[in-house]
Amino acid sequence: MARVLCLSSHVVRGSVGLAATVPALQSLGHEVWALPTVTLAARPGLGQAAMLPGGRRATDASELAGMLAALEQDACWPMLDAVMTGYFASAESVAAAADAIVRIMAGNPRIHVLVDPIIGDAGRLYVPESTADAIRDRLLPLADLATPNRFELQWLVGARSLDDRAAIVSAAGTLGPGLVAVTSALQSPTDVTTLLVGKTGLVRETASRLVSGIPNGSGDLFDGLLLGHLLAGLPPADAMDAALATLARVLESSAGCDVLQLRHLFHTSP
């Protein structure tokens, strides 16, 4: 069992952010310390709750820093095996997280750090540019594993386009972390491909069947499964394949549903 500190969004209704990452890690036997960076009544697009008054509350950067400082003062950092970061609402919150991770790494140099740079998709940023800048400049240099989608990778490295496998692999190799899993890297009418890139080049290329009509949260779920398998001792390529295999089962059962059907993480009957 490993202990993982996770900082990302959380939803009351749905399986997005921590509501997907935490069950994924727990299903593989790991202990999770979850700290929401923002809390939504429901995932965006699922009803109107997140848009209504009181339906969204960002964790203030000072509050985030205070929570992390309390854990540090209670001598919790040496207990950790990994830190995972996802969605942040502001550059100040990114800075609070990065400052804490630096201190965690100082006392625990073998700690794993996964950064999912959740900044945008489909050709546009959906966080303030200052937040995206902070993730690039403050968090990614601390990571040994990153999981951007193709648009996020393109934005983070400042590329005009990433239109083929070679360009994506080259860009991932310059991002910083020793391993980069590029999600939705390539897509055909029937398949979507994930590329795992190391410092020496392409480590694994895995195509998965493209499933239409799936609810949000697949990226967060993949993050938890990938890190969970790595912490269990699987080599990176095998960890990615195991994560994608479980993700495929969940997505197949979730097509047309409002939320991801996470029961498949725990091997229960449909």
C-alpha atoms as a PDB file:
ATOM      1  CA  MET A   1       0.000   0.000   0.000  1.00  0.00           C
ATOM      2  CA  ALA A   2       1.170   3.499  -0.826  1.00  0.00           C
ATOM      3  CA  ARG A   3      -0.030   6.859   0.496  1.00  0.00           C
ATOM      4  CA  VAL A   4      -0.918   9.534  -2.026  1.00  0.00           C
ATOM      5  CA  LEU A   5      -1.715  13.219  -1.526  1.00  0.00           C
ATOM      6  CA  CYS A   6      -4.141  14.343  -4.249  1.00  0.00           C
ATOM      7  CA  LEU A   7      -4.975  17.970  -5.000  1.00  0.00           C
ATOM      8  CA  SER A   8      -7.681  18.574  -7.594  1.00  0.00           C
ATOM      9  CA  SER A   9     -11.326  19.472  -8.068  1.00  0.00           C
ATOM     10  CA  HIS A  10     -14.139  17.617  -6.341  1.00  0.00           C
ATOM     11  CA  VAL A  11     -17.812  17.260  -7.258  1.00  0.00           C
ATOM     12  CA  VAL A  12     -20.767  16.309  -5.094  1.00  0.00           C
ATOM     13  CA  ARG A  13     -22.572  14.726  -8.055  1.00  0.00           C
ATOM     14  CA  GLY A  14     -20.586  12.939 -10.740  1.00  0.00           C
ATOM     15  CA  SER A  15     -17.237  11.173 -11.078  1.00  0.00           C
ATOM     16  CA  VAL A  16     -14.824  13.946 -11.992  1.00  0.00           C
ATOM     17  CA  GLY A  17     -11.593  15.104 -10.354  1.00  0.00           C
ATOM     18  CA  LEU A  18     -11.083  13.597  -6.924  1.00  0.00           C
ATOM     19  CA  ALA A  19     -14.398  11.750  -7.250  1.00  0.00           C
ATOM     20  CA  ALA A  20     -12.723   9.647  -9.970  1.00  0.00           C
ATOM     21  CA  THR A  21      -9.074   9.671  -8.894  1.00  0.00           C
ATOM     22  CA  VAL A  22      -9.644   8.635  -5.290  1.00  0.00           C
ATOM     23  CA  PRO A  23     -11.701   5.484  -6.067  1.00  0.00           C
ATOM     24  CA  ALA A  24      -9.175   4.501  -8.739  1.00  0.00           C
ATOM     25  CA  LEU A  25      -6.292   4.613  -6.267  1.00  0.00           C
ATOM     26  CA  GLN A  26      -8.309   2.948  -3.523  1.00  0.00           C
ATOM     27  CA  SER A  27      -9.328   0.112  -5.834  1.00  0.00           C
ATOM     28  CA  LEU A  28      -5.627  -0.725  -6.155  1.00  0.00           C
ATOM     29  CA  GLY A  29      -5.132  -0.758  -2.395  1.00  0.00           C
ATOM     30  CA  HIS A  30      -3.660   2.690  -1.830  1.00  0.00           C
ATOM     31  CA  GLU A  31      -4.468   5.257   0.864  1.00  0.00           C
ATOM     32  CA  VAL A  32      -5.483   8.670  -0.447  1.00  0.00           C
ATOM     33  CA  TRP A  33      -5.309  12.061   1.234  1.00  0.00           C
ATOM     34  CA  ALA A  34      -7.661  14.200  -0.859  1.00  0.00           C
ATOM     35  CA  LEU A  35      -7.546  17.997  -0.763  1.00  0.00           C
ATOM     36  CA  PRO A  36     -10.069  19.764  -3.048  1.00  0.00           C
ATOM     37  CA  THR A  37      -8.863  22.833  -4.922  1.00  0.00           C
ATOM     38  CA  VAL A  38     -12.460  23.640  -5.880  1.00  0.00           C
ATOM     39  CA  THR A  39     -15.783  21.996  -5.006  1.00  0.00           C
ATOM     40  CA  LEU A  40     -18.721  21.862  -7.410  1.00  0.00           C
ATOM     41  CA  ALA A  41     -22.265  20.729  -6.710  1.00  0.00           C
ATOM     42  CA  ALA A  42     -22.073  18.689  -9.928  1.00  0.00           C
ATOM     43  CA  ARG A  43     -19.734  18.319 -12.846  1.00  0.00           C
ATOM     44  CA  PRO A  44     -20.184  20.976 -15.546  1.00  0.00           C
ATOM     45  CA  GLY A  45     -22.755  19.817 -18.059  1.00  0.00           C
ATOM     46  CA  LEU A  46     -24.634  17.655 -15.573  1.00  0.00           C
ATOM     47  CA  GLY A  47     -27.697  19.730 -14.811  1.00  0.00           C
ATOM     48  CA  GLN A  48     -27.372  23.355 -13.706  1.00  0.00           C
ATOM     49  CA  ALA A  49     -26.173  22.885 -10.131  1.00  0.00           C
ATOM     50  CA  ALA A  50     -22.601  24.025 -10.741  1.00  0.00           C
ATOM     51  CA  MET A  51     -23.868  27.259 -12.312  1.00  0.00           C
ATOM     52  CA  LEU A  52     -26.353  28.166  -9.586  1.00  0.00           C
ATOM     53  CA  PRO A  53     -25.546  30.398  -6.579  1.00  0.00           C
ATOM     54  CA  GLY A  54     -23.551  28.381  -4.080  1.00  0.00           C
ATOM     55  CA  GLY A  55     -22.869  25.620  -6.610  1.00  0.00           C
ATOM     56  CA  ARG A  56     -19.144  26.311  -6.898  1.00  0.00           C
ATOM     57  CA  ARG A  57     -16.597  27.171  -4.252  1.00  0.00           C
ATOM     58  CA  ALA A  58     -12.899  27.520  -4.958  1.00  0.00           C
ATOM     59  CA  THR A  59     -10.576  26.743  -2.076  1.00  0.00           C
ATOM     60  CA  ASP A  60      -8.762  29.977  -1.300  1.00  0.00           C
ATOM     61  CA  ALA A  61      -5.010  29.772  -1.827  1.00  0.00           C
ATOM     62  CA  SER A  62      -4.363  30.745   1.783  1.00  0.00           C
ATOM     63  CA  GLU A  63      -6.736  28.023   2.967  1.00  0.00           C
ATOM     64  CA  LEU A  64      -4.999  25.488   0.732  1.00  0.00           C
ATOM     65  CA  ALA A  65      -1.615  26.566   2.071  1.00  0.00           C
ATOM     66  CA  GLY A  66      -2.936  26.353   5.628  1.00  0.00           C
ATOM     67  CA  MET A  67      -4.193  22.799   5.169  1.00  0.00           C
ATOM     68  CA  LEU A  68      -0.866  21.728   3.717  1.00  0.00           C
ATOM     69  CA  ALA A  69       1.052  23.489   6.480  1.00  0.00           C
ATOM     70  CA  ALA A  70      -1.031  21.706   9.117  1.00  0.00           C
ATOM     71  CA  LEU A  71      -0.136  18.331   7.612  1.00  0.00           C
ATOM     72  CA  GLU A  72       3.513  19.346   7.510  1.00  0.00           C
ATOM     73  CA  GLN A  73       3.493  20.465  11.147  1.00  0.00           C
ATOM     74  CA  ASP A  74       1.951  17.131  12.092  1.00  0.00           C
ATOM     75  CA  ALA A  75       4.975  15.378  10.526  1.00  0.00           C
ATOM     76  CA  CYS A  76       2.880  13.783   7.781  1.00  0.00           C
ATOM     77  CA  TRP A  77       5.176  14.369   4.814  1.00  0.00           C
ATOM     78  CA  PRO A  78       7.522  11.403   5.462  1.00  0.00           C
ATOM     79  CA  MET A  79       4.483   9.102   5.316  1.00  0.00           C
ATOM     80  CA  LEU A  80       3.793   9.952   1.671  1.00  0.00           C
ATOM     81  CA  ASP A  81       4.824   7.923  -1.362  1.00  0.00           C
ATOM     82  CA  ALA A  82       3.363  10.183  -4.048  1.00  0.00           C
ATOM     83  CA  VAL A  83       1.682  13.497  -4.786  1.00  0.00           C
ATOM     84  CA  MET A  84      -0.799  13.994  -7.616  1.00  0.00           C
ATOM     85  CA  THR A  85      -2.104  17.331  -8.841  1.00  0.00           C
ATOM     86  CA  GLY A  86      -4.944  18.087 -11.233  1.00  0.00           C
ATOM     87  CA  TYR A  87      -7.282  21.058 -11.591  1.00  0.00           C
ATOM     88  CA  PHE A  88      -6.484  24.425 -10.001  1.00  0.00           C
ATOM     89  CA  ALA A  89      -8.697  27.502  -9.987  1.00  0.00           C
ATOM     90  CA  SER A  90      -5.933  30.111  -9.678  1.00  0.00           C
ATOM     91  CA  ALA A  91      -2.222  30.720 -10.055  1.00  0.00           C
ATOM     92  CA  GLU A  92      -2.033  31.433  -6.328  1.00  0.00           C
ATOM     93  CA  SER A  93      -3.365  27.966  -5.523  1.00  0.00           C
ATOM     94  CA  VAL A  94      -0.812  26.432  -7.881  1.00  0.00           C
ATOM     95  CA  ALA A  95       1.925  28.315  -6.037  1.00  0.00           C
ATOM     96  CA  ALA A  96       0.685  27.064  -2.657  1.00  0.00           C
ATOM     97  CA  ALA A  97       0.745  23.484  -3.917  1.00  0.00           C
ATOM     98  CA  ALA A  98       4.159  23.861  -5.539  1.00  0.00           C
ATOM     99  CA  ASP A  99       5.673  25.348  -2.380  1.00  0.00           C
ATOM    100  CA  ALA A 100       4.393  22.389  -0.356  1.00  0.00           C
ATOM    101  CA  ILE A 101       5.653  19.839  -2.891  1.00  0.00           C
ATOM    102  CA  VAL A 102       9.117  21.396  -2.785  1.00  0.00           C
ATOM    103  CA  ARG A 103       9.152  20.925   0.981  1.00  0.00           C
ATOM    104  CA  ILE A 104       7.825  17.363   0.667  1.00  0.00           C
ATOM    105  CA  MET A 105      10.564  16.514  -1.834  1.00  0.00           C
ATOM    106  CA  ALA A 106      13.256  18.040   0.354  1.00  0.00           C
ATOM    107  CA  GLY A 107      12.526  15.552   3.126  1.00  0.00           C
ATOM    108  CA  ASN A 108      11.527  12.661   0.883  1.00  0.00           C
ATOM    109  CA  PRO A 109      13.580  12.659  -2.339  1.00  0.00           C
ATOM    110  CA  ARG A 110      12.081   9.358  -3.528  1.00  0.00           C
ATOM    111  CA  ILE A 111       8.557  10.789  -3.637  1.00  0.00           C
ATOM    112  CA  HIS A 112       6.692  10.408  -6.941  1.00  0.00           C
ATOM    113  CA  VAL A 113       4.971  13.487  -8.338  1.00  0.00           C
ATOM    114  CA  LEU A 114       2.296  13.188 -11.046  1.00  0.00           C
ATOM    115  CA  VAL A 115       1.073  16.431 -12.581  1.00  0.00           C
ATOM    116  CA  ASP A 116      -1.987  16.401 -14.802  1.00  0.00           C
ATOM    117  CA  PRO A 117      -1.822  19.895 -16.330  1.00  0.00           C
ATOM    118  CA  ILE A 118      -5.574  20.403 -16.597  1.00  0.00           C
ATOM    119  CA  ILE A 119      -5.696  23.630 -18.559  1.00  0.00           C
ATOM    120  CA  GLY A 120      -7.766  23.014 -21.682  1.00  0.00           C
ATOM    121  CA  ASP A 121      -8.900  20.852 -24.572  1.00  0.00           C
ATOM    122  CA  ALA A 122     -10.261  21.073 -28.106  1.00  0.00           C
ATOM    123  CA  GLY A 123      -8.070  24.039 -28.980  1.00  0.00           C
ATOM    124  CA  ARG A 124      -8.833  26.335 -26.037  1.00  0.00           C
ATOM    125  CA  LEU A 125      -7.811  27.055 -22.475  1.00  0.00           C
ATOM    126  CA  TYR A 126     -10.532  26.694 -19.854  1.00  0.00           C
ATOM    127  CA  VAL A 127      -8.483  28.128 -16.994  1.00  0.00           C
ATOM    128  CA  PRO A 128      -7.017  31.641 -16.775  1.00  0.00           C
ATOM    129  CA  GLU A 129      -3.746  31.917 -18.681  1.00  0.00           C
ATOM    130  CA  SER A 130      -2.011  32.892 -15.444  1.00  0.00           C
ATOM    131  CA  THR A 131      -3.064  29.541 -13.959  1.00  0.00           C
ATOM    132  CA  ALA A 132      -1.793  27.662 -17.008  1.00  0.00           C
ATOM    133  CA  ASP A 133       1.491  29.583 -16.812  1.00  0.00           C
ATOM    134  CA  ALA A 134       1.868  28.678 -13.137  1.00  0.00           C
ATOM    135  CA  ILE A 135       1.249  24.982 -13.792  1.00  0.00           C
ATOM    136  CA  ARG A 136       3.887  25.044 -16.538  1.00  0.00           C
ATOM    137  CA  ASP A 137       6.445  27.050 -14.579  1.00  0.00           C
ATOM    138  CA  ARG A 138       5.907  25.866 -11.000  1.00  0.00           C
ATOM    139  CA  LEU A 139       4.448  22.335 -11.043  1.00  0.00           C
ATOM    140  CA  LEU A 140       5.796  20.597 -14.139  1.00  0.00           C
ATOM    141  CA  PRO A 141       9.461  21.091 -13.119  1.00  0.00           C
ATOM    142  CA  LEU A 142       8.681  19.105  -9.942  1.00  0.00           C
ATOM    143  CA  ALA A 143       7.006  16.173 -11.706  1.00  0.00           C
ATOM    144  CA  ASP A 144       8.458  12.834 -12.712  1.00  0.00           C
ATOM    145  CA  LEU A 145       5.236  11.994 -14.593  1.00  0.00           C
ATOM    146  CA  ALA A 146       2.813  14.237 -16.484  1.00  0.00           C
ATOM    147  CA  THR A 147      -0.432  13.360 -18.264  1.00  0.00           C
ATOM    148  CA  PRO A 148      -1.373  16.156 -20.696  1.00  0.00           C
ATOM    149  CA  ASN A 149      -3.798  15.748 -23.556  1.00  0.00           C
ATOM    150  CA  ARG A 150      -2.519  16.728 -26.985  1.00  0.00           C
ATOM    151  CA  PHE A 151      -3.792  20.311 -26.823  1.00  0.00           C
ATOM    152  CA  GLU A 152      -2.313  20.813 -23.347  1.00  0.00           C
ATOM    153  CA  LEU A 153       1.049  19.476 -24.512  1.00  0.00           C
ATOM    154  CA  GLN A 154       0.975  21.768 -27.531  1.00  0.00           C
ATOM    155  CA  TRP A 155       0.210  24.819 -25.390  1.00  0.00           C
ATOM    156  CA  LEU A 156       2.744  23.970 -22.704  1.00  0.00           C
ATOM    157  CA  VAL A 157       5.657  23.607 -25.136  1.00  0.00           C
ATOM    158  CA  GLY A 158       4.543  26.534 -27.299  1.00  0.00           C
ATOM    159  CA  ALA A 159       4.133  24.484 -30.475  1.00  0.00           C
ATOM    160  CA  ARG A 160       2.073  25.785 -33.403  1.00  0.00           C
ATOM    161  CA  SER A 161       0.668  22.318 -33.993  1.00  0.00           C
ATOM    162  CA  LEU A 162       1.245  18.663 -33.123  1.00  0.00           C
ATOM    163  CA  ASP A 163      -0.182  16.871 -36.104  1.00  0.00           C
ATOM    164  CA  ASP A 164       1.603  13.529 -36.070  1.00  0.00           C
ATOM    165  CA  ARG A 165       3.214  10.942 -33.826  1.00  0.00           C
ATOM    166  CA  ALA A 166       6.766  12.181 -34.317  1.00  0.00           C
ATOM    167  CA  ALA A 167       5.863  15.762 -33.382  1.00  0.00           C
ATOM    168  CA  ILE A 168       3.987  14.638 -30.276  1.00  0.00           C
ATOM    169  CA  VAL A 169       6.832  12.397 -29.108  1.00  0.00           C
ATOM    170  CA  SER A 170       9.370  15.166 -29.690  1.00  0.00           C
ATOM    171  CA  ALA A 171       7.280  17.713 -27.781  1.00  0.00           C
ATOM    172  CA  ALA A 172       6.676  15.326 -24.877  1.00  0.00           C
ATOM    173  CA  GLY A 173      10.408  14.741 -24.598  1.00  0.00           C
ATOM    174  CA  THR A 174      10.974  18.455 -24.005  1.00  0.00           C
ATOM    175  CA  LEU A 175       8.206  18.945 -21.430  1.00  0.00           C
ATOM    176  CA  GLY A 176      10.417  18.159 -18.436  1.00  0.00           C
ATOM    177  CA  PRO A 177       9.161  15.081 -16.550  1.00  0.00           C
ATOM    178  CA  GLY A 178      10.943  11.792 -17.183  1.00  0.00           C
ATOM    179  CA  LEU A 179       7.680  10.183 -18.275  1.00  0.00           C
ATOM    180  CA  VAL A 180       4.835  11.834 -20.167  1.00  0.00           C
ATOM    181  CA  ALA A 181       1.605   9.997 -20.979  1.00  0.00           C
ATOM    182  CA  VAL A 182      -0.095  11.970 -23.746  1.00  0.00           C
ATOM    183  CA  THR A 183      -3.812  11.198 -23.704  1.00  0.00           C
ATOM    184  CA  SER A 184      -5.950  11.521 -26.840  1.00  0.00           C
ATOM    185  CA  ALA A 185      -2.676  11.881 -28.709  1.00  0.00           C
ATOM    186  CA  LEU A 186      -3.977  10.399 -31.951  1.00  0.00           C
ATOM    187  CA  GLN A 187      -7.520   9.662 -33.003  1.00  0.00           C
ATOM    188  CA  SER A 188      -9.193   7.806 -35.840  1.00  0.00           C
ATOM    189  CA  PRO A 189     -12.909   7.222 -36.423  1.00  0.00           C
ATOM    190  CA  THR A 190     -12.658   4.042 -34.331  1.00  0.00           C
ATOM    191  CA  ASP A 191      -9.682   4.424 -31.971  1.00  0.00           C
ATOM    192  CA  VAL A 192      -7.965   6.853 -29.632  1.00  0.00           C
ATOM    193  CA  THR A 193      -4.257   6.431 -28.912  1.00  0.00           C
ATOM    194  CA  THR A 194      -2.259   7.166 -25.770  1.00  0.00           C
ATOM    195  CA  LEU A 195       1.489   7.677 -26.109  1.00  0.00           C
ATOM    196  CA  LEU A 196       3.910   7.077 -23.235  1.00  0.00           C
ATOM    197  CA  VAL A 197       7.127   8.991 -23.822  1.00  0.00           C
ATOM    198  CA  GLY A 198      10.383   8.821 -21.877  1.00  0.00           C
ATOM    199  CA  LYS A 199      13.604  10.778 -22.154  1.00  0.00           C
ATOM    200  CA  THR A 200      14.868   8.428 -24.868  1.00  0.00           C
ATOM    201  CA  GLY A 201      11.687   8.452 -26.936  1.00  0.00           C
ATOM    202  CA  LEU A 202       8.488   6.491 -27.310  1.00  0.00           C
ATOM    203  CA  VAL A 203       7.982   3.862 -24.597  1.00  0.00           C
ATOM    204  CA  ARG A 204       4.511   2.584 -25.462  1.00  0.00           C
ATOM    205  CA  GLU A 205       1.748   3.341 -27.949  1.00  0.00           C
ATOM    206  CA  THR A 206      -1.663   1.927 -27.063  1.00  0.00           C
ATOM    207  CA  ALA A 207      -4.843   2.304 -29.080  1.00  0.00           C
ATOM    208  CA  SER A 208      -8.210   1.974 -27.348  1.00  0.00           C
ATOM    209  CA  ARG A 209     -11.636   1.702 -28.925  1.00  0.00           C
ATOM    210  CA  LEU A 210     -13.308   5.085 -29.198  1.00  0.00           C
ATOM    211  CA  VAL A 211     -16.490   5.072 -27.121  1.00  0.00           C
ATOM    212  CA  SER A 212     -19.060   7.782 -27.814  1.00  0.00           C
ATOM    213  CA  GLY A 213     -21.433   9.327 -25.321  1.00  0.00           C
ATOM    214  CA  ILE A 214     -19.227   8.953 -22.248  1.00  0.00           C
ATOM    215  CA  PRO A 215     -19.498  11.328 -19.266  1.00  0.00           C
ATOM    216  CA  ASN A 216     -16.615  13.507 -18.085  1.00  0.00           C
ATOM    217  CA  GLY A 217     -13.904  12.202 -15.792  1.00  0.00           C
ATOM    218  CA  SER A 218     -11.999   9.678 -17.884  1.00  0.00           C
ATOM    219  CA  GLY A 219      -8.744  11.640 -17.630  1.00  0.00           C
ATOM    220  CA  ASP A 220      -8.955  11.830 -13.842  1.00  0.00           C
ATOM    221  CA  LEU A 221      -9.728   8.131 -13.675  1.00  0.00           C
ATOM    222  CA  PHE A 222      -6.754   7.328 -15.912  1.00  0.00           C
ATOM    223  CA  ASP A 223      -4.458   9.400 -13.675  1.00  0.00           C
ATOM    224  CA  GLY A 224      -5.420   7.436 -10.582  1.00  0.00           C
ATOM    225  CA  LEU A 225      -5.149   4.060 -12.289  1.00  0.00           C
ATOM    226  CA  LEU A 226      -1.788   4.852 -13.879  1.00  0.00           C
ATOM    227  CA  LEU A 227      -0.224   6.131 -10.671  1.00  0.00           C
ATOM    228  CA  GLY A 228      -1.787   3.294  -8.693  1.00  0.00           C
ATOM    229  CA  HIS A 229      -0.240   0.634 -10.918  1.00  0.00           C
ATOM    230  CA  LEU A 230       3.141   2.382 -10.862  1.00  0.00           C
ATOM    231  CA  LEU A 231       3.065   2.496  -7.062  1.00  0.00           C
ATOM    232  CA  ALA A 232       2.216  -1.222  -7.066  1.00  0.00           C
ATOM    233  CA  GLY A 233       5.485  -1.873  -8.872  1.00  0.00           C
ATOM    234  CA  LEU A 234       4.489  -2.301 -12.514  1.00  0.00           C
ATOM    235  CA  PRO A 235       6.930  -1.007 -15.152  1.00  0.00           C
ATOM    236  CA  PRO A 236       5.664   2.185 -16.808  1.00  0.00           C
ATOM    237  CA  ALA A 237       4.524   0.586 -20.081  1.00  0.00           C
ATOM    238  CA  ASP A 238       2.689  -2.203 -18.270  1.00  0.00           C
ATOM    239  CA  ALA A 239       1.171   0.287 -15.820  1.00  0.00           C
ATOM    240  CA  MET A 240      -0.227   2.329 -18.690  1.00  0.00           C
ATOM    241  CA  ASP A 241      -1.681  -0.718 -20.419  1.00  0.00           C
ATOM    242  CA  ALA A 242      -3.280  -1.923 -17.175  1.00  0.00           C
ATOM    243  CA  ALA A 243      -4.749   1.530 -16.548  1.00  0.00           C
ATOM    244  CA  LEU A 244      -6.144   1.743 -20.073  1.00  0.00           C
ATOM    245  CA  ALA A 245      -7.650  -1.748 -19.857  1.00  0.00           C
ATOM    246  CA  THR A 246      -9.589  -0.848 -16.714  1.00  0.00           C
ATOM    247  CA  LEU A 247     -10.538   2.528 -18.154  1.00  0.00           C
ATOM    248  CA  ALA A 248     -11.936   0.800 -21.250  1.00  0.00           C
ATOM    249  CA  ARG A 249     -14.186  -1.414 -19.125  1.00  0.00           C
ATOM    250  CA  VAL A 250     -15.510   1.590 -17.233  1.00  0.00           C
ATOM    251  CA  LEU A 251     -16.115   3.607 -20.401  1.00  0.00           C
ATOM    252  CA  GLU A 252     -17.915   0.743 -22.139  1.00  0.00           C
ATOM    253  CA  SER A 253     -20.347   0.505 -19.231  1.00  0.00           C
ATOM    254  CA  SER A 254     -20.699   4.290 -18.939  1.00  0.00           C
ATOM    255  CA  ALA A 255     -21.735   5.126 -22.513  1.00  0.00           C
ATOM    256  CA  GLY A 256     -24.960   7.113 -22.390  1.00  0.00           C
ATOM    257  CA  CYS A 257     -24.831   7.518 -18.597  1.00  0.00           C
ATOM    258  CA  ASP A 258     -24.744  10.771 -16.646  1.00  0.00           C
ATOM    259  CA  VAL A 259     -21.713   9.700 -14.599  1.00  0.00           C
ATOM    260  CA  LEU A 260     -18.888   7.181 -14.916  1.00  0.00           C
ATOM    261  CA  GLN A 261     -19.854   3.729 -13.665  1.00  0.00           C
ATOM    262  CA  LEU A 262     -17.018   3.127 -11.214  1.00  0.00           C
ATOM    263  CA  ARG A 263     -18.299  -0.178  -9.862  1.00  0.00           C
ATOM    264  CA  HIS A 264     -16.027  -1.905 -12.381  1.00  0.00           C
ATOM    265  CA  LEU A 265     -13.020  -0.662 -10.428  1.00  0.00           C
ATOM    266  CA  PHE A 266     -13.956  -3.006  -7.632  1.00  0.00           C
ATOM    267  CA  HIS A 267     -14.733  -6.044  -9.821  1.00  0.00           C
ATOM    268  CA  THR A 268     -18.397  -6.256  -8.884  1.00  0.00           C
ATOM    269  CA  SER A 269     -21.084  -7.640 -11.135  1.00  0.00           C
ATOM    270  CA  PRO A 270     -22.888  -5.232 -13.481  1.00  0.00           C
END
